[in-house]
Amino acid sequence: MLKTHQPRAFVARLDSRTESTPLARYMLRAYLSGLPSGERYGDTAELILGELFANAVQHSDAPDDRHIEIRFTLIDSRLRIEVHDADTTHPALHVPSLDDEHGRGLFLVNKLAERWGSASHPGGIGKFVWAHIAPVPTPALVTV
């Protein structure tokens, strides 16, 4: 019987600072580069991870020395991104007005992710926000 190989999950802990966001996106690109069809998630996945990570930094009431954990895994053909922080407040989606200068992050996540949500950690310390990203279809070859 032939077994299919499921890629390993990736986990990293980063400083809870805005300056860590590019590093989180870099780690995601590195993870995706190791997948046979990783490029089919790239831009959307990076945008969603950037928004979730930035939210964890900006809105967490956790102490400054707490880290933010990122996790990536491929489940069937869906990329699952998780961002864990020590804050217990769950994010709430709202539709920004045209005049709002901030508050579009979760709106974008909601539009781009196939599904997303949040859950409390079992031990009661913190939460994680997750998103499932469908692969972008491969463009059909055009013959002339």
C-alpha atoms as a PDB file:
ATOM      1  CA  MET A   1       0.000   0.000   0.000  1.00  0.00           C
ATOM      2  CA  LEU A   2       1.376   3.395  -1.012  1.00  0.00           C
ATOM      3  CA  LYS A   3       1.260   6.044   1.695  1.00  0.00           C
ATOM      4  CA  THR A   4       1.044   9.694   0.843  1.00  0.00           C
ATOM      5  CA  HIS A   5       3.428  12.005   2.621  1.00  0.00           C
ATOM      6  CA  GLN A   6       1.787  14.822   4.555  1.00  0.00           C
ATOM      7  CA  PRO A   7       4.104  17.818   5.122  1.00  0.00           C
ATOM      8  CA  ARG A   8       5.138  18.490   8.686  1.00  0.00           C
ATOM      9  CA  ALA A   9       3.703  21.357  10.615  1.00  0.00           C
ATOM     10  CA  PHE A  10       5.888  24.393  11.243  1.00  0.00           C
ATOM     11  CA  VAL A  11       5.938  26.138  14.633  1.00  0.00           C
ATOM     12  CA  ALA A  12       7.939  29.171  15.759  1.00  0.00           C
ATOM     13  CA  ARG A  13       7.784  31.683  18.601  1.00  0.00           C
ATOM     14  CA  LEU A  14       8.542  35.298  17.827  1.00  0.00           C
ATOM     15  CA  ASP A  15       8.841  38.456  19.891  1.00  0.00           C
ATOM     16  CA  SER A  16       5.560  40.281  20.294  1.00  0.00           C
ATOM     17  CA  ARG A  17       6.741  43.290  18.286  1.00  0.00           C
ATOM     18  CA  THR A  18       5.602  44.836  15.018  1.00  0.00           C
ATOM     19  CA  GLU A  19       9.144  44.308  13.692  1.00  0.00           C
ATOM     20  CA  SER A  20       8.591  40.521  13.893  1.00  0.00           C
ATOM     21  CA  THR A  21       5.849  40.572  11.248  1.00  0.00           C
ATOM     22  CA  PRO A  22       8.265  40.453   8.245  1.00  0.00           C
ATOM     23  CA  LEU A  23      10.104  37.543   9.888  1.00  0.00           C
ATOM     24  CA  ALA A  24       6.814  35.646  10.296  1.00  0.00           C
ATOM     25  CA  ARG A  25       6.034  36.190   6.604  1.00  0.00           C
ATOM     26  CA  TYR A  26       9.567  35.086   5.648  1.00  0.00           C
ATOM     27  CA  MET A  27       9.107  31.864   7.628  1.00  0.00           C
ATOM     28  CA  LEU A  28       5.820  31.243   5.836  1.00  0.00           C
ATOM     29  CA  ARG A  29       7.485  31.745   2.433  1.00  0.00           C
ATOM     30  CA  ALA A  30      10.222  29.287   3.430  1.00  0.00           C
ATOM     31  CA  TYR A  31       7.615  26.733   4.537  1.00  0.00           C
ATOM     32  CA  LEU A  32       5.641  27.129   1.310  1.00  0.00           C
ATOM     33  CA  SER A  33       8.781  26.838  -0.826  1.00  0.00           C
ATOM     34  CA  GLY A  34       9.179  23.288   0.479  1.00  0.00           C
ATOM     35  CA  LEU A  35       5.711  22.254  -0.687  1.00  0.00           C
ATOM     36  CA  PRO A  36       5.143  20.943  -4.225  1.00  0.00           C
ATOM     37  CA  SER A  37       2.408  23.514  -4.865  1.00  0.00           C
ATOM     38  CA  GLY A  38       3.355  26.080  -2.220  1.00  0.00           C
ATOM     39  CA  GLU A  39       3.321  28.976  -4.671  1.00  0.00           C
ATOM     40  CA  ARG A  40      -0.450  28.526  -4.994  1.00  0.00           C
ATOM     41  CA  TYR A  41      -0.923  29.944  -1.455  1.00  0.00           C
ATOM     42  CA  GLY A  42       1.792  32.624  -1.380  1.00  0.00           C
ATOM     43  CA  ASP A  43       0.388  36.141  -1.589  1.00  0.00           C
ATOM     44  CA  THR A  44      -2.925  35.402   0.111  1.00  0.00           C
ATOM     45  CA  ALA A  45      -1.269  33.427   2.906  1.00  0.00           C
ATOM     46  CA  GLU A  46       1.317  36.140   3.550  1.00  0.00           C
ATOM     47  CA  LEU A  47      -1.331  38.844   3.733  1.00  0.00           C
ATOM     48  CA  ILE A  48      -3.494  36.833   6.125  1.00  0.00           C
ATOM     49  CA  LEU A  49      -0.547  35.909   8.352  1.00  0.00           C
ATOM     50  CA  GLY A  50       0.602  39.533   8.412  1.00  0.00           C
ATOM     51  CA  GLU A  51      -2.834  40.741   9.485  1.00  0.00           C
ATOM     52  CA  LEU A  52      -3.279  38.075  12.180  1.00  0.00           C
ATOM     53  CA  PHE A  53       0.220  38.644  13.543  1.00  0.00           C
ATOM     54  CA  ALA A  54      -0.203  42.433  13.582  1.00  0.00           C
ATOM     55  CA  ASN A  55      -3.518  42.032  15.432  1.00  0.00           C
ATOM     56  CA  ALA A  56      -1.847  39.823  18.038  1.00  0.00           C
ATOM     57  CA  VAL A  57       0.840  42.479  18.594  1.00  0.00           C
ATOM     58  CA  GLN A  58      -1.463  45.506  18.608  1.00  0.00           C
ATOM     59  CA  HIS A  59      -4.472  44.243  20.519  1.00  0.00           C
ATOM     60  CA  SER A  60      -3.003  41.881  23.086  1.00  0.00           C
ATOM     61  CA  ASP A  61      -3.076  42.931  26.719  1.00  0.00           C
ATOM     62  CA  ALA A  62      -0.501  40.245  27.523  1.00  0.00           C
ATOM     63  CA  PRO A  63       2.817  41.273  29.115  1.00  0.00           C
ATOM     64  CA  ASP A  64       5.474  42.516  26.688  1.00  0.00           C
ATOM     65  CA  ASP A  65       7.767  39.561  27.363  1.00  0.00           C
ATOM     66  CA  ARG A  66       5.194  37.079  25.984  1.00  0.00           C
ATOM     67  CA  HIS A  67       5.849  35.581  22.584  1.00  0.00           C
ATOM     68  CA  ILE A  68       3.513  35.087  19.674  1.00  0.00           C
ATOM     69  CA  GLU A  69       3.514  31.593  18.238  1.00  0.00           C
ATOM     70  CA  ILE A  70       2.877  30.933  14.559  1.00  0.00           C
ATOM     71  CA  ARG A  71       1.929  27.556  13.114  1.00  0.00           C
ATOM     72  CA  PHE A  72       1.525  26.423   9.525  1.00  0.00           C
ATOM     73  CA  THR A  73       0.322  23.084   8.279  1.00  0.00           C
ATOM     74  CA  LEU A  74      -1.231  21.649   5.167  1.00  0.00           C
ATOM     75  CA  ILE A  75      -4.481  19.767   5.771  1.00  0.00           C
ATOM     76  CA  ASP A  76      -5.637  18.029   2.623  1.00  0.00           C
ATOM     77  CA  SER A  77      -5.219  20.869   0.128  1.00  0.00           C
ATOM     78  CA  ARG A  78      -5.857  23.713   2.596  1.00  0.00           C
ATOM     79  CA  LEU A  79      -3.129  25.718   4.282  1.00  0.00           C
ATOM     80  CA  ARG A  80      -3.904  26.298   7.950  1.00  0.00           C
ATOM     81  CA  ILE A  81      -2.296  29.287   9.609  1.00  0.00           C
ATOM     82  CA  GLU A  82      -2.527  29.805  13.365  1.00  0.00           C
ATOM     83  CA  VAL A  83      -1.373  32.758  15.454  1.00  0.00           C
ATOM     84  CA  HIS A  84      -1.250  32.123  19.212  1.00  0.00           C
ATOM     85  CA  ASP A  85      -0.989  34.844  21.845  1.00  0.00           C
ATOM     86  CA  ALA A  86      -1.471  35.171  25.602  1.00  0.00           C
ATOM     87  CA  ASP A  87      -4.474  37.495  25.373  1.00  0.00           C
ATOM     88  CA  THR A  88      -7.902  36.000  26.088  1.00  0.00           C
ATOM     89  CA  THR A  89      -9.925  38.504  24.042  1.00  0.00           C
ATOM     90  CA  HIS A  90     -11.188  37.036  20.789  1.00  0.00           C
ATOM     91  CA  PRO A  91     -11.188  39.162  17.633  1.00  0.00           C
ATOM     92  CA  ALA A  92     -14.483  40.527  16.355  1.00  0.00           C
ATOM     93  CA  LEU A  93     -15.202  41.272  12.725  1.00  0.00           C
ATOM     94  CA  HIS A  94     -16.646  44.652  11.855  1.00  0.00           C
ATOM     95  CA  VAL A  95     -17.134  46.320   8.511  1.00  0.00           C
ATOM     96  CA  PRO A  96     -14.966  49.435   8.345  1.00  0.00           C
ATOM     97  CA  SER A  97     -16.399  52.689   7.051  1.00  0.00           C
ATOM     98  CA  LEU A  98     -14.712  54.591   4.243  1.00  0.00           C
ATOM     99  CA  ASP A  99     -13.344  57.069   6.803  1.00  0.00           C
ATOM    100  CA  ASP A 100     -11.745  54.440   9.071  1.00  0.00           C
ATOM    101  CA  GLU A 101      -7.960  54.623   9.042  1.00  0.00           C
ATOM    102  CA  HIS A 102      -7.599  51.255  10.787  1.00  0.00           C
ATOM    103  CA  GLY A 103      -9.654  48.142  11.344  1.00  0.00           C
ATOM    104  CA  ARG A 104      -9.511  46.508   7.932  1.00  0.00           C
ATOM    105  CA  GLY A 105      -7.321  43.545   8.889  1.00  0.00           C
ATOM    106  CA  LEU A 106      -9.994  41.043   9.884  1.00  0.00           C
ATOM    107  CA  PHE A 107     -12.226  42.333   7.101  1.00  0.00           C
ATOM    108  CA  LEU A 108      -9.486  41.308   4.626  1.00  0.00           C
ATOM    109  CA  VAL A 109      -8.952  37.978   6.395  1.00  0.00           C
ATOM    110  CA  ASN A 110     -12.692  37.318   6.190  1.00  0.00           C
ATOM    111  CA  LYS A 111     -12.725  38.050   2.447  1.00  0.00           C
ATOM    112  CA  LEU A 112      -9.564  36.096   1.549  1.00  0.00           C
ATOM    113  CA  ALA A 113      -9.664  33.045   3.827  1.00  0.00           C
ATOM    114  CA  GLU A 114     -11.896  30.118   3.030  1.00  0.00           C
ATOM    115  CA  ARG A 115     -12.718  29.989   6.759  1.00  0.00           C
ATOM    116  CA  TRP A 116     -11.304  31.567   9.888  1.00  0.00           C
ATOM    117  CA  GLY A 117     -12.011  31.718  13.596  1.00  0.00           C
ATOM    118  CA  SER A 118     -10.519  31.762  17.061  1.00  0.00           C
ATOM    119  CA  ALA A 119     -10.400  29.453  20.057  1.00  0.00           C
ATOM    120  CA  SER A 120      -9.255  29.646  23.654  1.00  0.00           C
ATOM    121  CA  HIS A 121      -6.286  27.590  24.752  1.00  0.00           C
ATOM    122  CA  PRO A 122      -7.350  24.584  26.835  1.00  0.00           C
ATOM    123  CA  GLY A 123      -5.362  25.773  29.870  1.00  0.00           C
ATOM    124  CA  GLY A 124      -7.185  29.100  29.885  1.00  0.00           C
ATOM    125  CA  ILE A 125      -4.117  31.207  29.017  1.00  0.00           C
ATOM    126  CA  GLY A 126      -4.537  32.982  25.736  1.00  0.00           C
ATOM    127  CA  LYS A 127      -6.119  32.077  22.442  1.00  0.00           C
ATOM    128  CA  PHE A 128      -5.290  31.365  18.846  1.00  0.00           C
ATOM    129  CA  VAL A 129      -6.725  32.725  15.625  1.00  0.00           C
ATOM    130  CA  TRP A 130      -6.725  30.397  12.637  1.00  0.00           C
ATOM    131  CA  ALA A 131      -7.412  30.674   8.933  1.00  0.00           C
ATOM    132  CA  HIS A 132      -7.793  28.087   6.168  1.00  0.00           C
ATOM    133  CA  ILE A 133      -6.542  29.134   2.771  1.00  0.00           C
ATOM    134  CA  ALA A 134      -7.526  27.384  -0.435  1.00  0.00           C
ATOM    135  CA  PRO A 135      -4.904  27.113  -3.175  1.00  0.00           C
ATOM    136  CA  VAL A 136      -5.180  29.489  -6.084  1.00  0.00           C
ATOM    137  CA  PRO A 137      -6.179  27.459  -9.161  1.00  0.00           C
ATOM    138  CA  THR A 138      -3.394  26.756 -11.603  1.00  0.00           C
ATOM    139  CA  PRO A 139      -3.962  28.803 -14.753  1.00  0.00           C
ATOM    140  CA  ALA A 140      -4.887  26.747 -17.789  1.00  0.00           C
ATOM    141  CA  LEU A 141      -2.377  26.659 -20.590  1.00  0.00           C
ATOM    142  CA  VAL A 142      -3.427  28.845 -23.461  1.00  0.00           C
ATOM    143  CA  THR A 143      -2.735  27.486 -26.919  1.00  0.00           C
ATOM    144  CA  VAL A 144      -2.859  29.665 -29.969  1.00  0.00           C
END
